[in-house]
């Protein structure tokens, strides 16, 4: 199944929403909230700089999304925040699935 613009856009929206929950959770320490805030900024930059109309652009976006979410997830593993961490991990897995599907479209 081809990965479309809407798939990538929806995945970014879900990921940024999960990151915002982490960023605004004051039970976490400043470094953990900061990692989420930095990931939000990085994802917006990536989203703006890639042409998601092309398969190559979507694949690059999904790769960046996975890297950013994994970094935040890793930073809060020691102090998991339950449901928010579950949402973030679900976004990572969905991003990986879309990334793998998108990569298949790049190979002839």
N, C-alpha and C. Protein backbone atom coordinates (compact mmCIF):
# COMPACT_ATOMS: atom_id res chain seq x y z
N UNK A 1 0.84 -1.18 0.00
CA UNK A 1 0.00 0.00 0.00
C UNK A 1 0.88 1.24 0.00
N UNK A 2 0.75 2.11 -0.97
CA UNK A 2 1.59 3.31 -1.03
C UNK A 2 1.34 4.23 0.16
N UNK A 3 2.40 4.82 0.65
CA UNK A 3 2.31 5.78 1.74
C UNK A 3 2.09 7.15 1.12
N UNK A 4 0.98 7.77 1.45
CA UNK A 4 0.62 9.05 0.84
C UNK A 4 0.92 10.24 1.73
N UNK A 5 0.69 11.42 1.17
CA UNK A 5 0.92 12.68 1.87
C UNK A 5 0.10 12.72 3.16
N UNK A 6 -1.15 12.31 3.09
CA UNK A 6 -2.01 12.34 4.27
C UNK A 6 -1.50 11.41 5.36
N UNK A 7 -0.99 10.23 4.97
CA UNK A 7 -0.44 9.29 5.95
C UNK A 7 0.69 9.92 6.75
N UNK A 8 1.61 10.55 6.03
CA UNK A 8 2.77 11.17 6.69
C UNK A 8 2.33 12.37 7.52
N UNK A 9 1.46 13.19 6.97
CA UNK A 9 0.98 14.37 7.70
C UNK A 9 0.25 13.96 8.98
N UNK A 10 -0.61 12.96 8.89
CA UNK A 10 -1.33 12.48 10.07
C UNK A 10 -0.38 11.92 11.11
N UNK A 11 0.65 11.21 10.66
CA UNK A 11 1.63 10.63 11.58
C UNK A 11 2.38 11.74 12.32
N UNK A 12 2.77 12.78 11.60
CA UNK A 12 3.43 13.93 12.22
C UNK A 12 2.51 14.61 13.22
N UNK A 13 1.24 14.80 12.86
CA UNK A 13 0.29 15.42 13.78
C UNK A 13 0.15 14.62 15.07
N UNK A 14 0.02 13.30 14.95
CA UNK A 14 -0.10 12.45 16.14
C UNK A 14 1.16 12.50 17.00
N UNK A 15 2.31 12.47 16.34
CA UNK A 15 3.58 12.49 17.07
C UNK A 15 3.76 13.82 17.80
N UNK A 16 3.47 14.92 17.14
CA UNK A 16 3.63 16.23 17.76
C UNK A 16 2.66 16.39 18.93
N UNK A 17 1.45 15.86 18.80
CA UNK A 17 0.49 15.91 19.91
C UNK A 17 1.02 15.14 21.12
N UNK A 18 1.59 13.96 20.89
CA UNK A 18 2.16 13.18 21.99
C UNK A 18 3.35 13.89 22.61
N UNK A 19 4.18 14.49 21.78
CA UNK A 19 5.34 15.24 22.30
C UNK A 19 4.89 16.45 23.11
N UNK A 20 3.83 17.10 22.69
CA UNK A 20 3.31 18.25 23.46
C UNK A 20 2.86 17.82 24.85
N UNK A 21 2.21 16.66 24.94
CA UNK A 21 1.80 16.16 26.25
C UNK A 21 3.01 15.98 27.16
N UNK A 22 4.08 15.44 26.61
CA UNK A 22 5.30 15.25 27.39
C UNK A 22 5.89 16.61 27.76
N UNK A 23 5.96 17.50 26.79
CA UNK A 23 6.54 18.83 27.01
C UNK A 23 5.80 19.61 28.09
N UNK A 24 4.50 19.38 28.22
CA UNK A 24 3.67 20.11 29.18
C UNK A 24 3.45 19.36 30.49
N UNK A 25 4.06 18.19 30.65
CA UNK A 25 3.89 17.38 31.86
C UNK A 25 4.93 17.79 32.90
N UNK A 26 4.49 18.54 33.89
CA UNK A 26 5.43 19.08 34.87
C UNK A 26 5.81 18.08 35.95
N UNK A 27 5.36 16.82 35.81
CA UNK A 27 5.87 15.78 36.70
C UNK A 27 7.21 15.26 36.19
N UNK A 28 7.53 15.60 34.95
CA UNK A 28 8.83 15.21 34.37
C UNK A 28 9.85 16.28 34.68
N UNK A 29 11.12 15.91 34.58
CA UNK A 29 12.15 16.91 34.84
C UNK A 29 12.37 17.80 33.61
N UNK A 30 13.10 18.87 33.82
CA UNK A 30 13.30 19.87 32.76
C UNK A 30 14.00 19.28 31.54
N UNK A 31 14.93 18.37 31.74
CA UNK A 31 15.64 17.76 30.61
C UNK A 31 14.69 16.92 29.75
N UNK A 32 13.80 16.20 30.39
CA UNK A 32 12.85 15.37 29.65
C UNK A 32 11.88 16.24 28.88
N UNK A 33 11.35 17.28 29.53
CA UNK A 33 10.45 18.20 28.84
C UNK A 33 11.18 18.94 27.73
N UNK A 34 12.44 19.29 27.98
CA UNK A 34 13.25 19.97 26.97
C UNK A 34 13.49 19.10 25.75
N UNK A 35 13.71 17.81 25.97
CA UNK A 35 13.92 16.89 24.84
C UNK A 35 12.67 16.84 23.97
N UNK A 36 11.51 16.83 24.60
CA UNK A 36 10.26 16.82 23.84
C UNK A 36 10.08 18.13 23.08
N UNK A 37 10.38 19.25 23.73
CA UNK A 37 10.27 20.56 23.07
C UNK A 37 11.20 20.67 21.88
N UNK A 38 12.43 20.19 22.05
CA UNK A 38 13.40 20.23 20.95
C UNK A 38 12.94 19.34 19.80
N UNK A 39 12.37 18.19 20.12
CA UNK A 39 11.89 17.28 19.07
C UNK A 39 10.75 17.92 18.29
N UNK A 40 9.86 18.64 18.98
CA UNK A 40 8.76 19.33 18.30
C UNK A 40 9.31 20.33 17.29
N UNK A 41 10.27 21.13 17.73
CA UNK A 41 10.88 22.11 16.82
C UNK A 41 11.55 21.43 15.63
N UNK A 42 12.31 20.37 15.91
CA UNK A 42 13.01 19.66 14.84
C UNK A 42 12.04 19.05 13.83
N UNK A 43 10.93 18.51 14.34
CA UNK A 43 9.95 17.91 13.43
C UNK A 43 9.28 18.96 12.56
N UNK A 44 8.98 20.12 13.12
CA UNK A 44 8.40 21.19 12.30
C UNK A 44 9.39 21.65 11.23
N UNK A 45 10.66 21.73 11.58
CA UNK A 45 11.67 22.12 10.59
C UNK A 45 11.75 21.07 9.48
N UNK A 46 11.78 19.79 9.87
CA UNK A 46 11.83 18.72 8.88
C UNK A 46 10.60 18.73 7.98
N UNK A 47 9.44 18.92 8.60
CA UNK A 47 8.20 18.94 7.84
C UNK A 47 8.20 20.07 6.82
N UNK A 48 8.71 21.21 7.23
CA UNK A 48 8.75 22.36 6.32
C UNK A 48 9.80 22.24 5.24
N UNK A 49 10.86 21.48 5.50
CA UNK A 49 11.95 21.44 4.55
C UNK A 49 11.87 20.29 3.55
N UNK A 50 10.96 19.37 3.74
CA UNK A 50 10.85 18.24 2.84
C UNK A 50 9.62 18.39 1.95
N UNK A 51 9.75 17.95 0.74
CA UNK A 51 8.61 17.95 -0.19
C UNK A 51 7.89 16.62 -0.04
N UNK A 52 6.79 16.62 0.72
CA UNK A 52 6.13 15.35 0.99
C UNK A 52 5.31 14.85 -0.19
N UNK A 53 5.31 15.61 -1.26
CA UNK A 53 4.64 15.12 -2.46
C UNK A 53 5.45 14.01 -3.12
N UNK A 54 6.76 13.97 -2.86
CA UNK A 54 7.62 12.94 -3.46
C UNK A 54 7.86 11.82 -2.45
N UNK A 55 8.00 10.61 -2.94
CA UNK A 55 8.27 9.46 -2.08
C UNK A 55 9.55 9.68 -1.29
N UNK A 56 10.58 10.24 -1.91
CA UNK A 56 11.85 10.46 -1.23
C UNK A 56 11.67 11.41 -0.06
N UNK A 57 10.85 12.44 -0.24
CA UNK A 57 10.60 13.40 0.83
C UNK A 57 9.84 12.76 1.99
N UNK A 58 8.84 11.95 1.67
CA UNK A 58 8.08 11.27 2.72
C UNK A 58 8.96 10.32 3.50
N UNK A 59 9.83 9.60 2.80
CA UNK A 59 10.73 8.67 3.46
C UNK A 59 11.68 9.41 4.40
N UNK A 60 12.22 10.54 3.94
CA UNK A 60 13.11 11.34 4.79
C UNK A 60 12.37 11.87 6.01
N UNK A 61 11.14 12.32 5.83
CA UNK A 61 10.34 12.81 6.96
C UNK A 61 10.09 11.71 7.98
N UNK A 62 9.73 10.53 7.51
CA UNK A 62 9.45 9.43 8.42
C UNK A 62 10.71 9.01 9.17
N UNK A 63 11.85 9.02 8.50
CA UNK A 63 13.11 8.69 9.14
C UNK A 63 13.42 9.69 10.26
N UNK A 64 13.22 10.98 9.99
CA UNK A 64 13.45 12.01 11.02
C UNK A 64 12.47 11.86 12.17
N UNK A 65 11.22 11.55 11.85
CA UNK A 65 10.20 11.37 12.89
C UNK A 65 10.59 10.24 13.83
N UNK A 66 10.99 9.11 13.27
CA UNK A 66 11.39 7.96 14.09
C UNK A 66 12.57 8.32 14.98
N UNK A 67 13.56 9.01 14.43
CA UNK A 67 14.75 9.38 15.21
C UNK A 67 14.37 10.32 16.36
N UNK A 68 13.56 11.33 16.09
CA UNK A 68 13.17 12.30 17.12
C UNK A 68 12.35 11.63 18.22
N UNK A 69 11.36 10.82 17.83
CA UNK A 69 10.51 10.19 18.83
C UNK A 69 11.28 9.17 19.66
N UNK A 70 12.17 8.44 19.03
CA UNK A 70 12.97 7.46 19.75
C UNK A 70 13.87 8.16 20.77
N UNK A 71 14.46 9.29 20.41
CA UNK A 71 15.32 10.02 21.34
C UNK A 71 14.53 10.48 22.56
N UNK A 72 13.33 11.00 22.34
CA UNK A 72 12.51 11.43 23.48
C UNK A 72 12.07 10.23 24.31
N UNK A 73 11.65 9.17 23.64
CA UNK A 73 11.23 7.96 24.35
C UNK A 73 12.37 7.42 25.21
N UNK A 74 13.57 7.37 24.64
CA UNK A 74 14.73 6.90 25.39
C UNK A 74 15.01 7.78 26.60
N UNK A 75 14.79 9.10 26.46
CA UNK A 75 15.10 10.01 27.56
C UNK A 75 14.12 9.88 28.71
N UNK A 76 12.93 9.35 28.48
CA UNK A 76 11.96 9.23 29.57
C UNK A 76 11.73 7.79 30.01
N UNK A 77 12.49 6.86 29.48
CA UNK A 77 12.33 5.45 29.87
C UNK A 77 12.57 5.25 31.36
N UNK A 78 13.48 6.04 31.93
CA UNK A 78 13.79 5.86 33.35
C UNK A 78 12.66 6.36 34.25
N UNK A 79 11.83 7.24 33.73
CA UNK A 79 10.71 7.79 34.49
C UNK A 79 9.48 7.77 33.58
N UNK A 80 8.99 6.56 33.24
CA UNK A 80 7.91 6.48 32.27
C UNK A 80 6.66 7.22 32.75
N UNK A 81 5.95 7.78 31.79
CA UNK A 81 4.76 8.56 32.10
C UNK A 81 3.52 7.85 31.58
N UNK A 82 3.54 6.53 31.67
CA UNK A 82 2.37 5.71 31.39
C UNK A 82 1.78 5.90 30.02
N UNK A 83 0.57 6.42 30.00
CA UNK A 83 -0.21 6.53 28.77
C UNK A 83 0.48 7.39 27.72
N UNK A 84 1.13 8.45 28.14
CA UNK A 84 1.81 9.33 27.18
C UNK A 84 2.95 8.58 26.51
N UNK A 85 3.71 7.82 27.29
CA UNK A 85 4.80 7.04 26.71
C UNK A 85 4.24 5.97 25.76
N UNK A 86 3.11 5.38 26.12
CA UNK A 86 2.48 4.41 25.23
C UNK A 86 2.09 5.05 23.91
N UNK A 87 1.53 6.27 23.95
CA UNK A 87 1.16 6.99 22.73
C UNK A 87 2.39 7.28 21.88
N UNK A 88 3.46 7.72 22.55
CA UNK A 88 4.70 8.02 21.83
C UNK A 88 5.26 6.77 21.17
N UNK A 89 5.27 5.66 21.90
CA UNK A 89 5.78 4.41 21.33
C UNK A 89 4.90 3.92 20.19
N UNK A 90 3.59 4.14 20.28
CA UNK A 90 2.70 3.77 19.17
C UNK A 90 3.00 4.61 17.94
N UNK A 91 3.30 5.90 18.14
CA UNK A 91 3.68 6.76 17.02
C UNK A 91 4.98 6.29 16.38
N UNK A 92 5.92 5.86 17.21
CA UNK A 92 7.19 5.35 16.68
C UNK A 92 6.94 4.12 15.82
N UNK A 93 6.16 3.19 16.33
CA UNK A 93 5.89 1.95 15.57
C UNK A 93 5.14 2.24 14.28
N UNK A 94 4.13 3.13 14.32
CA UNK A 94 3.40 3.48 13.11
C UNK A 94 4.33 4.18 12.12
N UNK A 95 5.20 5.04 12.63
CA UNK A 95 6.18 5.72 11.78
C UNK A 95 7.11 4.72 11.10
N UNK A 96 7.56 3.72 11.85
CA UNK A 96 8.43 2.68 11.27
C UNK A 96 7.70 1.91 10.18
N UNK A 97 6.44 1.59 10.41
CA UNK A 97 5.66 0.86 9.42
C UNK A 97 5.52 1.69 8.14
N UNK A 98 5.15 2.96 8.29
CA UNK A 98 5.03 3.83 7.11
C UNK A 98 6.38 4.01 6.41
N UNK A 99 7.45 4.13 7.20
CA UNK A 99 8.79 4.29 6.63
C UNK A 99 9.16 3.08 5.78
N UNK A 100 8.93 1.88 6.32
CA UNK A 100 9.26 0.66 5.56
C UNK A 100 8.44 0.56 4.28
N UNK A 101 7.15 0.92 4.35
CA UNK A 101 6.31 0.90 3.15
C UNK A 101 6.80 1.93 2.14
N UNK A 102 7.19 3.10 2.63
CA UNK A 102 7.67 4.15 1.75
C UNK A 102 9.00 3.75 1.09
N UNK A 103 9.88 3.10 1.85
CA UNK A 103 11.16 2.64 1.28
C UNK A 103 10.93 1.64 0.15
N UNK A 104 9.92 0.80 0.28
CA UNK A 104 9.62 -0.19 -0.77
C UNK A 104 9.25 0.52 -2.07
N UNK A 105 8.62 1.68 -1.95
CA UNK A 105 8.23 2.43 -3.15
C UNK A 105 9.45 3.01 -3.86
N UNK A 106 10.56 3.19 -3.14
CA UNK A 106 11.77 3.75 -3.74
C UNK A 106 12.54 2.72 -4.55
N UNK A 107 12.40 1.46 -4.22
CA UNK A 107 13.15 0.42 -4.93
C UNK A 107 12.34 -0.13 -6.08
N UNK A 108 12.95 -0.18 -7.26
CA UNK A 108 12.22 -0.67 -8.45
C UNK A 108 11.92 -2.15 -8.39
